[in-house]
Amino acid sequence: MRLRVPTGRPGRLWLRRRLAVARRGHDVLEQKQHALRRQLERVEELREEARREWEARAADAERWWQRAA
């Protein structure tokens, strides 16, 4: 699909508006990417905390199983 850019001054204004929209879109995507990175870090911290808790409980269960045996 080929864009029909107006000629002369209207064309420059049209292109500037398109460029401004593209820049704003870029800024919004960067903000979303930053937010997703923060969320990923939080999820990874929660995952690590859950792993440590699970390992501690598994070790506790193993001790109780050994006592029962």
PDB file of N, CA and C in Angstrom:
ATOM      1  N   MET A   1       0.838  -1.167   0.000  1.00  0.00           N
ATOM      2  CA  MET A   1       0.000   0.000   0.000  1.00  0.00           C
ATOM      3  C   MET A   1       0.896   1.247   0.000  1.00  0.00           C
ATOM      4  N   ARG A   2       0.664   2.109  -0.897  1.00  0.00           N
ATOM      5  CA  ARG A   2       1.471   3.325  -1.031  1.00  0.00           C
ATOM      6  C   ARG A   2       0.731   4.506  -0.418  1.00  0.00           C
ATOM      7  N   LEU A   3       1.448   5.285   0.383  1.00  0.00           N
ATOM      8  CA  LEU A   3       0.845   6.461   1.002  1.00  0.00           C
ATOM      9  C   LEU A   3       0.830   7.613   0.006  1.00  0.00           C
ATOM     10  N   ARG A   4      -0.237   8.367   0.043  1.00  0.00           N
ATOM     11  CA  ARG A   4      -0.324   9.562  -0.810  1.00  0.00           C
ATOM     12  C   ARG A   4      -0.030  10.775   0.060  1.00  0.00           C
ATOM     13  N   VAL A   5       1.189  11.244  -0.028  1.00  0.00           N
ATOM     14  CA  VAL A   5       1.612  12.396   0.763  1.00  0.00           C
ATOM     15  C   VAL A   5       1.252  13.659  -0.019  1.00  0.00           C
ATOM     16  N   PRO A   6       0.515  14.551   0.596  1.00  0.00           N
ATOM     17  CA  PRO A   6       0.209  15.809  -0.096  1.00  0.00           C
ATOM     18  C   PRO A   6       1.494  16.566  -0.436  1.00  0.00           C
ATOM     19  N   THR A   7       1.450  17.349  -1.458  1.00  0.00           N
ATOM     20  CA  THR A   7       2.637  18.099  -1.860  1.00  0.00           C
ATOM     21  C   THR A   7       2.707  19.435  -1.122  1.00  0.00           C
ATOM     22  N   GLY A   8       3.919  19.959  -1.040  1.00  0.00           N
ATOM     23  CA  GLY A   8       4.117  21.285  -0.487  1.00  0.00           C
ATOM     24  C   GLY A   8       3.935  21.352   1.016  1.00  0.00           C
ATOM     25  N   ARG A   9       3.483  22.516   1.475  1.00  0.00           N
ATOM     26  CA  ARG A   9       3.315  22.766   2.911  1.00  0.00           C
ATOM     27  C   ARG A   9       2.340  21.782   3.567  1.00  0.00           C
ATOM     28  N   PRO A  10       1.187  21.499   2.959  1.00  0.00           N
ATOM     29  CA  PRO A  10       0.294  20.511   3.590  1.00  0.00           C
ATOM     30  C   PRO A  10       0.970  19.149   3.773  1.00  0.00           C
ATOM     31  N   GLY A  11       1.831  18.798   2.837  1.00  0.00           N
ATOM     32  CA  GLY A  11       2.546  17.527   2.951  1.00  0.00           C
ATOM     33  C   GLY A  11       3.500  17.516   4.123  1.00  0.00           C
ATOM     34  N   ARG A  12       4.211  18.637   4.303  1.00  0.00           N
ATOM     35  CA  ARG A  12       5.132  18.731   5.453  1.00  0.00           C
ATOM     36  C   ARG A  12       4.369  18.652   6.769  1.00  0.00           C
ATOM     37  N   LEU A  13       3.242  19.354   6.846  1.00  0.00           N
ATOM     38  CA  LEU A  13       2.431  19.307   8.069  1.00  0.00           C
ATOM     39  C   LEU A  13       1.909  17.894   8.315  1.00  0.00           C
ATOM     40  N   TRP A  14       1.467  17.254   7.266  1.00  0.00           N
ATOM     41  CA  TRP A  14       0.948  15.883   7.357  1.00  0.00           C
ATOM     42  C   TRP A  14       2.040  14.950   7.877  1.00  0.00           C
ATOM     43  N   LEU A  15       3.239  15.086   7.314  1.00  0.00           N
ATOM     44  CA  LEU A  15       4.357  14.233   7.740  1.00  0.00           C
ATOM     45  C   LEU A  15       4.757  14.525   9.185  1.00  0.00           C
ATOM     46  N   ARG A  16       4.736  15.797   9.578  1.00  0.00           N
ATOM     47  CA  ARG A  16       5.076  16.136  10.959  1.00  0.00           C
ATOM     48  C   ARG A  16       4.082  15.529  11.938  1.00  0.00           C
ATOM     49  N   ARG A  17       2.796  15.562  11.572  1.00  0.00           N
ATOM     50  CA  ARG A  17       1.786  14.948  12.448  1.00  0.00           C
ATOM     51  C   ARG A  17       2.009  13.442  12.556  1.00  0.00           C
ATOM     52  N   ARG A  18       2.290  12.815  11.440  1.00  0.00           N
ATOM     53  CA  ARG A  18       2.548  11.363  11.467  1.00  0.00           C
ATOM     54  C   ARG A  18       3.783  11.054  12.313  1.00  0.00           C
ATOM     55  N   LEU A  19       4.807  11.878  12.175  1.00  0.00           N
ATOM     56  CA  LEU A  19       6.028  11.677  12.966  1.00  0.00           C
ATOM     57  C   LEU A  19       5.745  11.867  14.453  1.00  0.00           C
ATOM     58  N   ALA A  20       4.946  12.875  14.801  1.00  0.00           N
ATOM     59  CA  ALA A  20       4.592  13.106  16.206  1.00  0.00           C
ATOM     60  C   ALA A  20       3.821  11.918  16.765  1.00  0.00           C
ATOM     61  N   VAL A  21       2.912  11.360  15.983  1.00  0.00           N
ATOM     62  CA  VAL A  21       2.147  10.185  16.425  1.00  0.00           C
ATOM     63  C   VAL A  21       3.083   8.993  16.616  1.00  0.00           C
ATOM     64  N   ALA A  22       4.015   8.817  15.685  1.00  0.00           N
ATOM     65  CA  ALA A  22       4.964   7.702  15.794  1.00  0.00           C
ATOM     66  C   ALA A  22       5.842   7.851  17.031  1.00  0.00           C
ATOM     67  N   ARG A  23       6.288   9.078  17.300  1.00  0.00           N
ATOM     68  CA  ARG A  23       7.120   9.306  18.490  1.00  0.00           C
ATOM     69  C   ARG A  23       6.332   9.034  19.767  1.00  0.00           C
ATOM     70  N   ARG A  24       5.088   9.481  19.796  1.00  0.00           N
ATOM     71  CA  ARG A  24       4.245   9.230  20.974  1.00  0.00           C
ATOM     72  C   ARG A  24       4.033   7.726  21.152  1.00  0.00           C
ATOM     73  N   GLY A  25       3.776   7.031  20.063  1.00  0.00           N
ATOM     74  CA  GLY A  25       3.623   5.577  20.144  1.00  0.00           C
ATOM     75  C   GLY A  25       4.881   4.916  20.681  1.00  0.00           C
ATOM     76  N   HIS A  26       6.030   5.399  20.242  1.00  0.00           N
ATOM     77  CA  HIS A  26       7.307   4.874  20.726  1.00  0.00           C
ATOM     78  C   HIS A  26       7.437   5.093  22.233  1.00  0.00           C
ATOM     79  N   ASP A  27       7.096   6.294  22.682  1.00  0.00           N
ATOM     80  CA  ASP A  27       7.178   6.604  24.116  1.00  0.00           C
ATOM     81  C   ASP A  27       6.252   5.702  24.937  1.00  0.00           C
ATOM     82  N   VAL A  28       5.039   5.506  24.440  1.00  0.00           N
ATOM     83  CA  VAL A  28       4.080   4.650  25.155  1.00  0.00           C
ATOM     84  C   VAL A  28       4.607   3.222  25.227  1.00  0.00           C
ATOM     85  N   LEU A  29       5.145   2.718  24.133  1.00  0.00           N
ATOM     86  CA  LEU A  29       5.688   1.355  24.143  1.00  0.00           C
ATOM     87  C   LEU A  29       6.870   1.221  25.092  1.00  0.00           C
ATOM     88  N   GLU A  30       7.711   2.248  25.176  1.00  0.00           N
ATOM     89  CA  GLU A  30       8.822   2.202  26.131  1.00  0.00           C
ATOM     90  C   GLU A  30       8.310   2.174  27.566  1.00  0.00           C
ATOM     91  N   GLN A  31       7.265   2.954  27.854  1.00  0.00           N
ATOM     92  CA  GLN A  31       6.687   2.947  29.198  1.00  0.00           C
ATOM     93  C   GLN A  31       6.132   1.567  29.533  1.00  0.00           C
ATOM     94  N   LYS A  32       5.451   0.960  28.582  1.00  0.00           N
ATOM     95  CA  LYS A  32       4.893  -0.376  28.818  1.00  0.00           C
ATOM     96  C   LYS A  32       6.006  -1.400  29.017  1.00  0.00           C
ATOM     97  N   GLN A  33       7.062  -1.291  28.220  1.00  0.00           N
ATOM     98  CA  GLN A  33       8.179  -2.213  28.360  1.00  0.00           C
ATOM     99  C   GLN A  33       8.819  -2.074  29.741  1.00  0.00           C
ATOM    100  N   HIS A  34       8.982  -0.860  30.204  1.00  0.00           N
ATOM    101  CA  HIS A  34       9.555  -0.624  31.531  1.00  0.00           C
ATOM    102  C   HIS A  34       8.663  -1.229  32.615  1.00  0.00           C
ATOM    103  N   ALA A  35       7.356  -1.028  32.490  1.00  0.00           N
ATOM    104  CA  ALA A  35       6.414  -1.584  33.473  1.00  0.00           C
ATOM    105  C   ALA A  35       6.473  -3.105  33.462  1.00  0.00           C
ATOM    106  N   LEU A  36       6.568  -3.702  32.279  1.00  0.00           N
ATOM    107  CA  LEU A  36       6.640  -5.161  32.188  1.00  0.00           C
ATOM    108  C   LEU A  36       7.929  -5.694  32.786  1.00  0.00           C
ATOM    109  N   ARG A  37       9.020  -4.969  32.613  1.00  0.00           N
ATOM    110  CA  ARG A  37      10.291  -5.396  33.232  1.00  0.00           C
ATOM    111  C   ARG A  37      10.177  -5.402  34.749  1.00  0.00           C
ATOM    112  N   ARG A  38       9.572  -4.330  35.314  1.00  0.00           N
ATOM    113  CA  ARG A  38       9.385  -4.272  36.773  1.00  0.00           C
ATOM    114  C   ARG A  38       8.509  -5.430  37.249  1.00  0.00           C
ATOM    115  N   GLN A  39       7.450  -5.699  36.516  1.00  0.00           N
ATOM    116  CA  GLN A  39       6.545  -6.780  36.893  1.00  0.00           C
ATOM    117  C   GLN A  39       7.269  -8.124  36.812  1.00  0.00           C
ATOM    118  N   LEU A  40       8.069  -8.322  35.783  1.00  0.00           N
ATOM    119  CA  LEU A  40       8.825  -9.566  35.645  1.00  0.00           C
ATOM    120  C   LEU A  40       9.797  -9.741  36.813  1.00  0.00           C
ATOM    121  N   GLU A  41      10.445  -8.669  37.227  1.00  0.00           N
ATOM    122  CA  GLU A  41      11.358  -8.752  38.374  1.00  0.00           C
ATOM    123  C   GLU A  41      10.603  -9.168  39.632  1.00  0.00           C
ATOM    124  N   ARG A  42       9.416  -8.578  39.843  1.00  0.00           N
ATOM    125  CA  ARG A  42       8.608  -8.946  41.023  1.00  0.00           C
ATOM    126  C   ARG A  42       8.190 -10.411  40.959  1.00  0.00           C
ATOM    127  N   VAL A  43       7.787 -10.871  39.795  1.00  0.00           N
ATOM    128  CA  VAL A  43       7.357 -12.257  39.652  1.00  0.00           C
ATOM    129  C   VAL A  43       8.536 -13.204  39.897  1.00  0.00           C
ATOM    130  N   GLU A  44       9.703 -12.848  39.401  1.00  0.00           N
ATOM    131  CA  GLU A  44      10.879 -13.690  39.625  1.00  0.00           C
ATOM    132  C   GLU A  44      11.242 -13.746  41.112  1.00  0.00           C
ATOM    133  N   GLU A  45      11.100 -12.622  41.816  1.00  0.00           N
ATOM    134  CA  GLU A  45      11.349 -12.620  43.263  1.00  0.00           C
ATOM    135  C   GLU A  45      10.345 -13.520  43.985  1.00  0.00           C
ATOM    136  N   LEU A  46       9.086 -13.430  43.597  1.00  0.00           N
ATOM    137  CA  LEU A  46       8.060 -14.283  44.213  1.00  0.00           C
ATOM    138  C   LEU A  46       8.324 -15.759  43.922  1.00  0.00           C
ATOM    139  N   ARG A  47       8.752 -16.045  42.694  1.00  0.00           N
ATOM    140  CA  ARG A  47       9.051 -17.430  42.328  1.00  0.00           C
ATOM    141  C   ARG A  47      10.201 -17.972  43.171  1.00  0.00           C
ATOM    142  N   GLU A  48      11.234 -17.164  43.347  1.00  0.00           N
ATOM    143  CA  GLU A  48      12.380 -17.599  44.152  1.00  0.00           C
ATOM    144  C   GLU A  48      11.974 -17.807  45.602  1.00  0.00           C
ATOM    145  N   GLU A  49      11.160 -16.919  46.129  1.00  0.00           N
ATOM    146  CA  GLU A  49      10.675 -17.060  47.504  1.00  0.00           C
ATOM    147  C   GLU A  49       9.847 -18.341  47.647  1.00  0.00           C
ATOM    148  N   ALA A  50       8.987 -18.619  46.689  1.00  0.00           N
ATOM    149  CA  ALA A  50       8.160 -19.830  46.737  1.00  0.00           C
ATOM    150  C   ALA A  50       9.036 -21.084  46.644  1.00  0.00           C
ATOM    151  N   ARG A  51      10.097 -21.031  45.815  1.00  0.00           N
ATOM    152  CA  ARG A  51      10.996 -22.180  45.700  1.00  0.00           C
ATOM    153  C   ARG A  51      11.688 -22.462  47.022  1.00  0.00           C
ATOM    154  N   ARG A  52      12.185 -21.402  47.675  1.00  0.00           N
ATOM    155  CA  ARG A  52      12.852 -21.593  48.966  1.00  0.00           C
ATOM    156  C   ARG A  52      11.894 -22.169  50.002  1.00  0.00           C
ATOM    157  N   GLU A  53      10.666 -21.654  50.028  1.00  0.00           N
ATOM    158  CA  GLU A  53       9.673 -22.158  50.975  1.00  0.00           C
ATOM    159  C   GLU A  53       9.345 -23.619  50.689  1.00  0.00           C
ATOM    160  N   TRP A  54       9.175 -23.953  49.415  1.00  0.00           N
ATOM    161  CA  TRP A  54       8.855 -25.333  49.053  1.00  0.00           C
ATOM    162  C   TRP A  54       9.988 -26.267  49.462  1.00  0.00           C
ATOM    163  N   GLU A  55      11.230 -25.851  49.218  1.00  0.00           N
ATOM    164  CA  GLU A  55      12.367 -26.702  49.589  1.00  0.00           C
ATOM    165  C   GLU A  55      12.435 -26.892  51.106  1.00  0.00           C
ATOM    166  N   ALA A  56      12.159 -25.842  51.858  1.00  0.00           N
ATOM    167  CA  ALA A  56      12.178 -25.950  53.318  1.00  0.00           C
ATOM    168  C   ALA A  56      11.085 -26.908  53.788  1.00  0.00           C
ATOM    169  N   ARG A  57       9.905 -26.794  53.233  1.00  0.00           N
ATOM    170  CA  ARG A  57       8.810 -27.690  53.629  1.00  0.00           C
ATOM    171  C   ARG A  57       9.072 -29.129  53.186  1.00  0.00           C
ATOM    172  N   ALA A  58       9.694 -29.285  52.018  1.00  0.00           N
ATOM    173  CA  ALA A  58      10.025 -30.637  51.549  1.00  0.00           C
ATOM    174  C   ALA A  58      11.054 -31.278  52.479  1.00  0.00           C
ATOM    175  N   ALA A  59      12.026 -30.494  52.919  1.00  0.00           N
ATOM    176  CA  ALA A  59      13.035 -31.018  53.847  1.00  0.00           C
ATOM    177  C   ALA A  59      12.383 -31.388  55.177  1.00  0.00           C
ATOM    178  N   ASP A  60      11.452 -30.554  55.638  1.00  0.00           N
ATOM    179  CA  ASP A  60      10.723 -30.842  56.874  1.00  0.00           C
ATOM    180  C   ASP A  60       9.907 -32.119  56.731  1.00  0.00           C
ATOM    181  N   ALA A  61       9.244 -32.279  55.606  1.00  0.00           N
ATOM    182  CA  ALA A  61       8.450 -33.490  55.360  1.00  0.00           C
ATOM    183  C   ALA A  61       9.354 -34.719  55.313  1.00  0.00           C
ATOM    184  N   GLU A  62      10.526 -34.575  54.728  1.00  0.00           N
ATOM    185  CA  GLU A  62      11.481 -35.687  54.666  1.00  0.00           C
ATOM    186  C   GLU A  62      11.909 -36.096  56.078  1.00  0.00           C
ATOM    187  N   ARG A  63      12.165 -35.118  56.943  1.00  0.00           N
ATOM    188  CA  ARG A  63      12.544 -35.441  58.327  1.00  0.00           C
ATOM    189  C   ARG A  63      11.412 -36.178  59.036  1.00  0.00           C
ATOM    190  N   TRP A  64      10.197 -35.692  58.855  1.00  0.00           N
ATOM    191  CA  TRP A  64       9.071 -36.364  59.494  1.00  0.00           C
ATOM    192  C   TRP A  64       8.879 -37.771  58.921  1.00  0.00           C
ATOM    193  N   TRP A  65       9.088 -37.947  57.653  1.00  0.00           N
ATOM    194  CA  TRP A  65       8.959 -39.276  57.051  1.00  0.00           C
ATOM    195  C   TRP A  65      10.021 -40.214  57.624  1.00  0.00           C
ATOM    196  N   GLN A  66      11.246 -39.709  57.790  1.00  0.00           N
ATOM    197  CA  GLN A  66      12.321 -40.525  58.364  1.00  0.00           C
ATOM    198  C   GLN A  66      11.976 -40.915  59.804  1.00  0.00           C
ATOM    199  N   ARG A  67      11.416 -40.000  60.568  1.00  0.00           N
ATOM    200  CA  ARG A  67      11.028 -40.319  61.940  1.00  0.00           C
ATOM    201  C   ARG A  67       9.922 -41.379  61.970  1.00  0.00           C
ATOM    202  N   ALA A  68       8.992 -41.251  61.053  1.00  0.00           N
ATOM    203  CA  ALA A  68       7.866 -42.194  61.017  1.00  0.00           C
ATOM    204  C   ALA A  68       8.326 -43.587  60.601  1.00  0.00           C
ATOM    205  N   ALA A  69       9.352 -43.634  59.749  1.00  0.00           N
ATOM    206  CA  ALA A  69       9.843 -44.920  59.260  1.00  0.00           C
ATOM    207  C   ALA A  69      10.658 -45.551  60.342  1.00  0.00           C
TER     208      ALA A  69
END
